[in-house]
Structure formats: structure tokens, C-alpha cells
Amino acid sequence: MKILHGLIKSVLSVGLLILGILLLANVVAFHTPLGDFLINDKLGQFLVGISAVFLVLLYWLTGIPVKEERFLTFENEGGAISISVKAINDFLAKLADEFAGIIRLRADVTASRDGRIEVRLDVSVKAGTKVQQLSQVLQQRVRESMRENLGITEIHTIKVNVSSIVAAEKPASDRPAERADWQDASV
């Protein structure tokens, strides 16, 4: 559906842009039958043409997303402290190194308007990992780490989403050895 929406948006934008350029070209020097068919007045052609081009450009410029960096701000006895949400997410992602069962950890910290902080952790774990126990220990570690290292004490929820369970690769000693052509089969 997004592809269809994007295609329609592009076709309409290009069509309106071409119409505007043709009308402006008809006013300036190049006589086009489309310009006379739609609007006979040169001033009208100019105004409609410039408006069409301007609207398309304005539409595309306002559609460019501006990613605003978010911060968590909290007060302590020394004043206000602001920490980038991206910095917190990166900090929490490094906790994966502390757990043997975690292959990948992606954190997403959000703060509601009433000041409640929520942490969502998307985790990929190795097969055979006890997910329930790992999740509980990970939640405790996140709370502890945010409190001790970042000074953030009021965490409303920590949700752990296990997005994949990946089979661990067999160590080289467990795999059958592949024989090379030059090896003697009797050995």
C-alpha cells in the first residue's frame, strides 16, 4: 500500500510540475497548445504555472522528515541533567556483552509526558538459553545500570521482546572433519 501511495504521489507531483512548466514556457517564449487550451490570458498562465511549480516544491520540501534528537531531562541537587535518548539506547545495547546468551540487543527508551520512563529491549538469544531467567536478570541489570551509571532511578517498565532464537554454531571439534583430497583415508 505504501508503494502505491508513493507512486500516486510521485505521478501527481510530476504531472503538476510539468503543467506548471508548460504554462510558464507558454508565457515566456515557447508556444504550447496546452497553454492556450487551459488559459487564454498570459497573466493567468503565468500565475497558474508559477503556483503549480511552487506548490510541488513546497510539498516536497515540507515532506522531508526532520529528525529531532530527544533528551531525557531530570533534576538533581546540582541542577538539571539532560541525556540523549540515543546515548542511553547505545549504552544499554552494550549490556549484551555481559550475557553469554544474548547475540544482539537493541534498546528503545521512551519517556511519557507524565515523566514515566519505559525501556523496550529487542533481544536475539542463542538456542538453549533460558529466556525467562535471562529476561529477569537483564531487567534487573538495566535498572541497576541506569541508576548507577546514568542517575536515572524512576523507570516505569522494562519490556524484553525476544525477536529471534538463533541456533548456536557447533564448535569445530564437534563437526565431522572434512577430508581433503590429499589426506589418506586409512589414517
C-alpha atoms as a PDB file:
ATOM      1  CA  MET A   1       0.000   0.000   0.000  1.00  0.00           C
ATOM      2  CA  LYS A   2       2.895   2.366   0.772  1.00  0.00           C
ATOM      3  CA  ILE A   3       4.347   1.695  -2.663  1.00  0.00           C
ATOM      4  CA  LEU A   4       1.035   2.536  -4.340  1.00  0.00           C
ATOM      5  CA  HIS A   5       0.687   5.695  -2.256  1.00  0.00           C
ATOM      6  CA  GLY A   6       4.226   6.767  -3.144  1.00  0.00           C
ATOM      7  CA  LEU A   7       3.615   6.051  -6.829  1.00  0.00           C
ATOM      8  CA  ILE A   8       0.422   8.137  -6.895  1.00  0.00           C
ATOM      9  CA  LYS A   9       2.137  10.946  -5.011  1.00  0.00           C
ATOM     10  CA  SER A  10       5.018  10.941  -7.481  1.00  0.00           C
ATOM     11  CA  VAL A  11       2.785  10.864 -10.557  1.00  0.00           C
ATOM     12  CA  LEU A  12       0.636  13.729  -9.279  1.00  0.00           C
ATOM     13  CA  SER A  13       3.674  15.777  -8.327  1.00  0.00           C
ATOM     14  CA  VAL A  14       5.414  15.254 -11.657  1.00  0.00           C
ATOM     15  CA  GLY A  15       2.191  15.944 -13.553  1.00  0.00           C
ATOM     16  CA  LEU A  16       1.561  19.189 -11.694  1.00  0.00           C
ATOM     17  CA  LEU A  17       5.210  20.200 -12.130  1.00  0.00           C
ATOM     18  CA  ILE A  18       5.072  19.554 -15.896  1.00  0.00           C
ATOM     19  CA  LEU A  19       1.812  21.501 -16.183  1.00  0.00           C
ATOM     20  CA  GLY A  20       3.371  24.444 -14.345  1.00  0.00           C
ATOM     21  CA  ILE A  21       6.500  24.381 -16.520  1.00  0.00           C
ATOM     22  CA  LEU A  22       4.431  24.169 -19.742  1.00  0.00           C
ATOM     23  CA  LEU A  23       2.302  27.126 -18.691  1.00  0.00           C
ATOM     24  CA  LEU A  24       5.397  29.155 -17.796  1.00  0.00           C
ATOM     25  CA  ALA A  25       7.039  28.175 -21.091  1.00  0.00           C
ATOM     26  CA  ASN A  26       3.944  29.331 -22.973  1.00  0.00           C
ATOM     27  CA  VAL A  27       4.177  32.727 -21.289  1.00  0.00           C
ATOM     28  CA  VAL A  28       7.912  33.191 -21.881  1.00  0.00           C
ATOM     29  CA  ALA A  29       8.607  32.115 -25.438  1.00  0.00           C
ATOM     30  CA  PHE A  30       7.565  28.597 -26.346  1.00  0.00           C
ATOM     31  CA  HIS A  31       4.028  28.377 -27.661  1.00  0.00           C
ATOM     32  CA  THR A  32       2.276  25.222 -26.446  1.00  0.00           C
ATOM     33  CA  PRO A  33      -1.266  24.236 -27.410  1.00  0.00           C
ATOM     34  CA  LEU A  34      -1.913  23.111 -23.829  1.00  0.00           C
ATOM     35  CA  GLY A  35      -1.365  26.622 -22.502  1.00  0.00           C
ATOM     36  CA  ASP A  36      -3.901  28.178 -24.878  1.00  0.00           C
ATOM     37  CA  PHE A  37      -6.372  25.364 -24.283  1.00  0.00           C
ATOM     38  CA  LEU A  38      -6.387  25.788 -20.496  1.00  0.00           C
ATOM     39  CA  ILE A  39      -5.978  29.545 -20.059  1.00  0.00           C
ATOM     40  CA  ASN A  40      -6.001  32.169 -22.830  1.00  0.00           C
ATOM     41  CA  ASP A  41      -4.655  35.000 -20.705  1.00  0.00           C
ATOM     42  CA  LYS A  42      -0.833  35.210 -20.443  1.00  0.00           C
ATOM     43  CA  LEU A  43      -1.008  36.610 -16.901  1.00  0.00           C
ATOM     44  CA  GLY A  44      -3.313  33.763 -15.866  1.00  0.00           C
ATOM     45  CA  GLN A  45      -0.953  31.227 -17.420  1.00  0.00           C
ATOM     46  CA  PHE A  46       1.972  32.763 -15.566  1.00  0.00           C
ATOM     47  CA  LEU A  47       0.175  32.810 -12.204  1.00  0.00           C
ATOM     48  CA  VAL A  48      -1.150  29.261 -12.518  1.00  0.00           C
ATOM     49  CA  GLY A  49       2.224  27.982 -13.760  1.00  0.00           C
ATOM     50  CA  ILE A  50       4.256  29.598 -11.003  1.00  0.00           C
ATOM     51  CA  SER A  51       1.688  28.463  -8.416  1.00  0.00           C
ATOM     52  CA  ALA A  52       1.845  24.851  -9.629  1.00  0.00           C
ATOM     53  CA  VAL A  53       5.648  24.758  -9.537  1.00  0.00           C
ATOM     54  CA  PHE A  54       5.717  26.462  -6.137  1.00  0.00           C
ATOM     55  CA  LEU A  55       3.130  24.083  -4.656  1.00  0.00           C
ATOM     56  CA  VAL A  56       5.042  20.995  -5.818  1.00  0.00           C
ATOM     57  CA  LEU A  57       8.321  22.331  -4.429  1.00  0.00           C
ATOM     58  CA  LEU A  58       6.664  23.336  -1.166  1.00  0.00           C
ATOM     59  CA  TYR A  59       5.014  19.923  -0.879  1.00  0.00           C
ATOM     60  CA  TRP A  60       8.292  18.058  -1.328  1.00  0.00           C
ATOM     61  CA  LEU A  61      10.258  20.367   0.971  1.00  0.00           C
ATOM     62  CA  THR A  62       7.745  20.069   3.800  1.00  0.00           C
ATOM     63  CA  GLY A  63       7.685  16.294   3.393  1.00  0.00           C
ATOM     64  CA  ILE A  64      11.359  15.924   4.285  1.00  0.00           C
ATOM     65  CA  PRO A  65      11.403  14.486   7.786  1.00  0.00           C
ATOM     66  CA  VAL A  66      13.490  16.365  10.301  1.00  0.00           C
ATOM     67  CA  LYS A  67      14.675  14.021  12.985  1.00  0.00           C
ATOM     68  CA  GLU A  68      14.803  15.885  16.228  1.00  0.00           C
ATOM     69  CA  GLU A  69      17.093  14.492  18.873  1.00  0.00           C
ATOM     70  CA  ARG A  70      15.249  13.632  22.059  1.00  0.00           C
ATOM     71  CA  PHE A  71      16.637  14.070  25.561  1.00  0.00           C
ATOM     72  CA  LEU A  72      15.661  12.822  28.986  1.00  0.00           C
ATOM     73  CA  THR A  73      15.965  15.621  31.500  1.00  0.00           C
ATOM     74  CA  PHE A  74      15.855  15.183  35.239  1.00  0.00           C
ATOM     75  CA  GLU A  75      16.695  17.285  38.249  1.00  0.00           C
ATOM     76  CA  ASN A  76      19.169  16.559  40.991  1.00  0.00           C
ATOM     77  CA  GLU A  77      20.591  18.645  43.816  1.00  0.00           C
ATOM     78  CA  GLY A  78      23.141  20.229  41.457  1.00  0.00           C
ATOM     79  CA  GLY A  79      20.661  21.227  38.725  1.00  0.00           C
ATOM     80  CA  ALA A  80      19.192  19.760  35.557  1.00  0.00           C
ATOM     81  CA  ILE A  81      20.801  16.934  33.587  1.00  0.00           C
ATOM     82  CA  SER A  82      19.841  16.048  30.014  1.00  0.00           C
ATOM     83  CA  ILE A  83      20.913  12.794  28.390  1.00  0.00           C
ATOM     84  CA  SER A  84      20.305  11.987  24.741  1.00  0.00           C
ATOM     85  CA  VAL A  85      17.896   9.081  24.248  1.00  0.00           C
ATOM     86  CA  LYS A  86      20.223   7.788  21.530  1.00  0.00           C
ATOM     87  CA  ALA A  87      23.115   7.789  24.019  1.00  0.00           C
ATOM     88  CA  ILE A  88      21.009   5.831  26.522  1.00  0.00           C
ATOM     89  CA  ASN A  89      19.973   3.323  23.837  1.00  0.00           C
ATOM     90  CA  ASP A  90      23.602   2.828  22.807  1.00  0.00           C
ATOM     91  CA  PHE A  91      24.659   2.473  26.444  1.00  0.00           C
ATOM     92  CA  LEU A  92      22.027  -0.203  27.102  1.00  0.00           C
ATOM     93  CA  ALA A  93      22.880  -2.093  23.893  1.00  0.00           C
ATOM     94  CA  LYS A  94      26.394  -2.631  25.254  1.00  0.00           C
ATOM     95  CA  LEU A  95      24.935  -4.664  28.136  1.00  0.00           C
ATOM     96  CA  ALA A  96      24.620  -7.566  25.671  1.00  0.00           C
ATOM     97  CA  ASP A  97      28.337  -8.197  26.146  1.00  0.00           C
ATOM     98  CA  GLU A  98      27.672  -9.138  29.776  1.00  0.00           C
ATOM     99  CA  PHE A  99      25.359 -12.022  28.862  1.00  0.00           C
ATOM    100  CA  ALA A 100      26.568 -15.147  27.087  1.00  0.00           C
ATOM    101  CA  GLY A 101      23.075 -15.997  25.832  1.00  0.00           C
ATOM    102  CA  ILE A 102      22.462 -12.672  24.077  1.00  0.00           C
ATOM    103  CA  ILE A 103      23.551 -12.324  20.468  1.00  0.00           C
ATOM    104  CA  ARG A 104      22.064  -8.883  19.784  1.00  0.00           C
ATOM    105  CA  LEU A 105      20.345  -6.291  21.955  1.00  0.00           C
ATOM    106  CA  ARG A 106      18.598  -3.154  20.722  1.00  0.00           C
ATOM    107  CA  ALA A 107      17.187  -0.724  23.275  1.00  0.00           C
ATOM    108  CA  ASP A 108      14.412   1.829  22.808  1.00  0.00           C
ATOM    109  CA  VAL A 109      13.916   4.261  25.705  1.00  0.00           C
ATOM    110  CA  THR A 110      10.840   6.492  25.758  1.00  0.00           C
ATOM    111  CA  ALA A 111       9.500   8.981  28.249  1.00  0.00           C
ATOM    112  CA  SER A 112       5.829   9.813  28.568  1.00  0.00           C
ATOM    113  CA  ARG A 113       4.526  13.309  29.237  1.00  0.00           C
ATOM    114  CA  ASP A 114       3.983  12.468  32.885  1.00  0.00           C
ATOM    115  CA  GLY A 115       7.663  11.588  33.264  1.00  0.00           C
ATOM    116  CA  ARG A 116       7.419   7.805  33.252  1.00  0.00           C
ATOM    117  CA  ILE A 117      10.381   6.147  31.566  1.00  0.00           C
ATOM    118  CA  GLU A 118       9.807   2.960  29.624  1.00  0.00           C
ATOM    119  CA  VAL A 119      12.521   0.740  28.212  1.00  0.00           C
ATOM    120  CA  ARG A 120      11.927  -1.778  25.446  1.00  0.00           C
ATOM    121  CA  LEU A 121      14.663  -4.277  24.693  1.00  0.00           C
ATOM    122  CA  ASP A 122      14.620  -6.287  21.466  1.00  0.00           C
ATOM    123  CA  VAL A 123      16.863  -9.270  22.009  1.00  0.00           C
ATOM    124  CA  SER A 124      18.183 -12.120  19.895  1.00  0.00           C
ATOM    125  CA  VAL A 125      19.261 -15.069  22.015  1.00  0.00           C
ATOM    126  CA  LYS A 126      21.160 -18.275  21.457  1.00  0.00           C
ATOM    127  CA  ALA A 127      19.182 -21.502  21.315  1.00  0.00           C
ATOM    128  CA  GLY A 128      19.171 -23.278  24.655  1.00  0.00           C
ATOM    129  CA  THR A 129      19.105 -20.052  26.655  1.00  0.00           C
ATOM    130  CA  LYS A 130      16.572 -19.964  29.482  1.00  0.00           C
ATOM    131  CA  VAL A 131      14.650 -16.946  28.210  1.00  0.00           C
ATOM    132  CA  GLN A 132      12.581 -16.362  31.370  1.00  0.00           C
ATOM    133  CA  GLN A 133      15.624 -16.257  33.643  1.00  0.00           C
ATOM    134  CA  LEU A 134      17.687 -14.236  31.170  1.00  0.00           C
ATOM    135  CA  SER A 135      14.887 -11.669  30.838  1.00  0.00           C
ATOM    136  CA  GLN A 136      14.565 -11.216  34.600  1.00  0.00           C
ATOM    137  CA  VAL A 137      18.313 -10.814  35.108  1.00  0.00           C
ATOM    138  CA  LEU A 138      18.510  -8.443  32.114  1.00  0.00           C
ATOM    139  CA  GLN A 139      15.691  -6.292  33.532  1.00  0.00           C
ATOM    140  CA  GLN A 140      17.471  -6.091  36.888  1.00  0.00           C
ATOM    141  CA  ARG A 141      20.769  -5.259  35.202  1.00  0.00           C
ATOM    142  CA  VAL A 142      19.179  -2.474  33.129  1.00  0.00           C
ATOM    143  CA  ARG A 143      17.594  -0.899  36.233  1.00  0.00           C
ATOM    144  CA  GLU A 144      20.850  -1.156  38.154  1.00  0.00           C
ATOM    145  CA  SER A 145      22.985   0.149  35.305  1.00  0.00           C
ATOM    146  CA  MET A 146      20.718   3.122  34.572  1.00  0.00           C
ATOM    147  CA  ARG A 147      20.568   4.010  38.269  1.00  0.00           C
ATOM    148  CA  GLU A 148      24.291   3.681  38.974  1.00  0.00           C
ATOM    149  CA  ASN A 149      25.791   4.987  35.735  1.00  0.00           C
ATOM    150  CA  LEU A 150      23.218   7.463  34.440  1.00  0.00           C
ATOM    151  CA  GLY A 151      21.460   8.561  37.615  1.00  0.00           C
ATOM    152  CA  ILE A 152      18.044   7.554  36.275  1.00  0.00           C
ATOM    153  CA  THR A 153      16.076   5.974  39.096  1.00  0.00           C
ATOM    154  CA  GLU A 154      12.432   6.215  38.073  1.00  0.00           C
ATOM    155  CA  ILE A 155      11.926   3.511  35.430  1.00  0.00           C
ATOM    156  CA  HIS A 156       8.285   2.562  34.987  1.00  0.00           C
ATOM    157  CA  THR A 157       8.637  -0.606  32.888  1.00  0.00           C
ATOM    158  CA  ILE A 158      11.286  -2.654  31.144  1.00  0.00           C
ATOM    159  CA  LYS A 159       9.885  -4.884  28.425  1.00  0.00           C
ATOM    160  CA  VAL A 160      12.021  -7.619  26.920  1.00  0.00           C
ATOM    161  CA  ASN A 161      10.995  -8.799  23.464  1.00  0.00           C
ATOM    162  CA  VAL A 162      12.824 -11.874  22.221  1.00  0.00           C
ATOM    163  CA  SER A 163      12.800 -11.294  18.483  1.00  0.00           C
ATOM    164  CA  SER A 164      14.750 -14.402  17.491  1.00  0.00           C
ATOM    165  CA  ILE A 165      16.287 -17.535  18.892  1.00  0.00           C
ATOM    166  CA  VAL A 166      19.388 -18.397  16.915  1.00  0.00           C
ATOM    167  CA  ALA A 167      20.912 -21.852  16.790  1.00  0.00           C
ATOM    168  CA  ALA A 168      24.431 -21.778  18.150  1.00  0.00           C
ATOM    169  CA  GLU A 169      27.152 -22.865  15.766  1.00  0.00           C
ATOM    170  CA  LYS A 170      28.753 -26.170  16.602  1.00  0.00           C
ATOM    171  CA  PRO A 171      32.344 -25.874  17.736  1.00  0.00           C
ATOM    172  CA  ALA A 172      34.929 -27.115  15.263  1.00  0.00           C
ATOM    173  CA  SER A 173      35.664 -30.171  17.447  1.00  0.00           C
ATOM    174  CA  ASP A 174      32.000 -31.325  17.231  1.00  0.00           C
ATOM    175  CA  ARG A 175      31.782 -31.068  13.450  1.00  0.00           C
ATOM    176  CA  PRO A 176      32.890 -34.019  11.348  1.00  0.00           C
ATOM    177  CA  ALA A 177      36.238 -33.288   9.804  1.00  0.00           C
ATOM    178  CA  GLU A 178      36.149 -32.778   6.084  1.00  0.00           C
ATOM    179  CA  ARG A 179      38.738 -34.785   4.287  1.00  0.00           C
ATOM    180  CA  ALA A 180      40.954 -33.098   1.824  1.00  0.00           C
ATOM    181  CA  ASP A 181      41.811 -34.962  -1.356  1.00  0.00           C
ATOM    182  CA  TRP A 182      45.424 -35.258  -0.315  1.00  0.00           C
ATOM    183  CA  GLN A 183      44.625 -36.871   3.073  1.00  0.00           C
ATOM    184  CA  ASP A 184      44.981 -40.596   3.424  1.00  0.00           C
ATOM    185  CA  ALA A 185      41.628 -42.218   4.198  1.00  0.00           C
ATOM    186  CA  SER A 186      43.244 -45.029   6.215  1.00  0.00           C
ATOM    187  CA  VAL A 187      44.676 -42.701   8.855  1.00  0.00           C
END
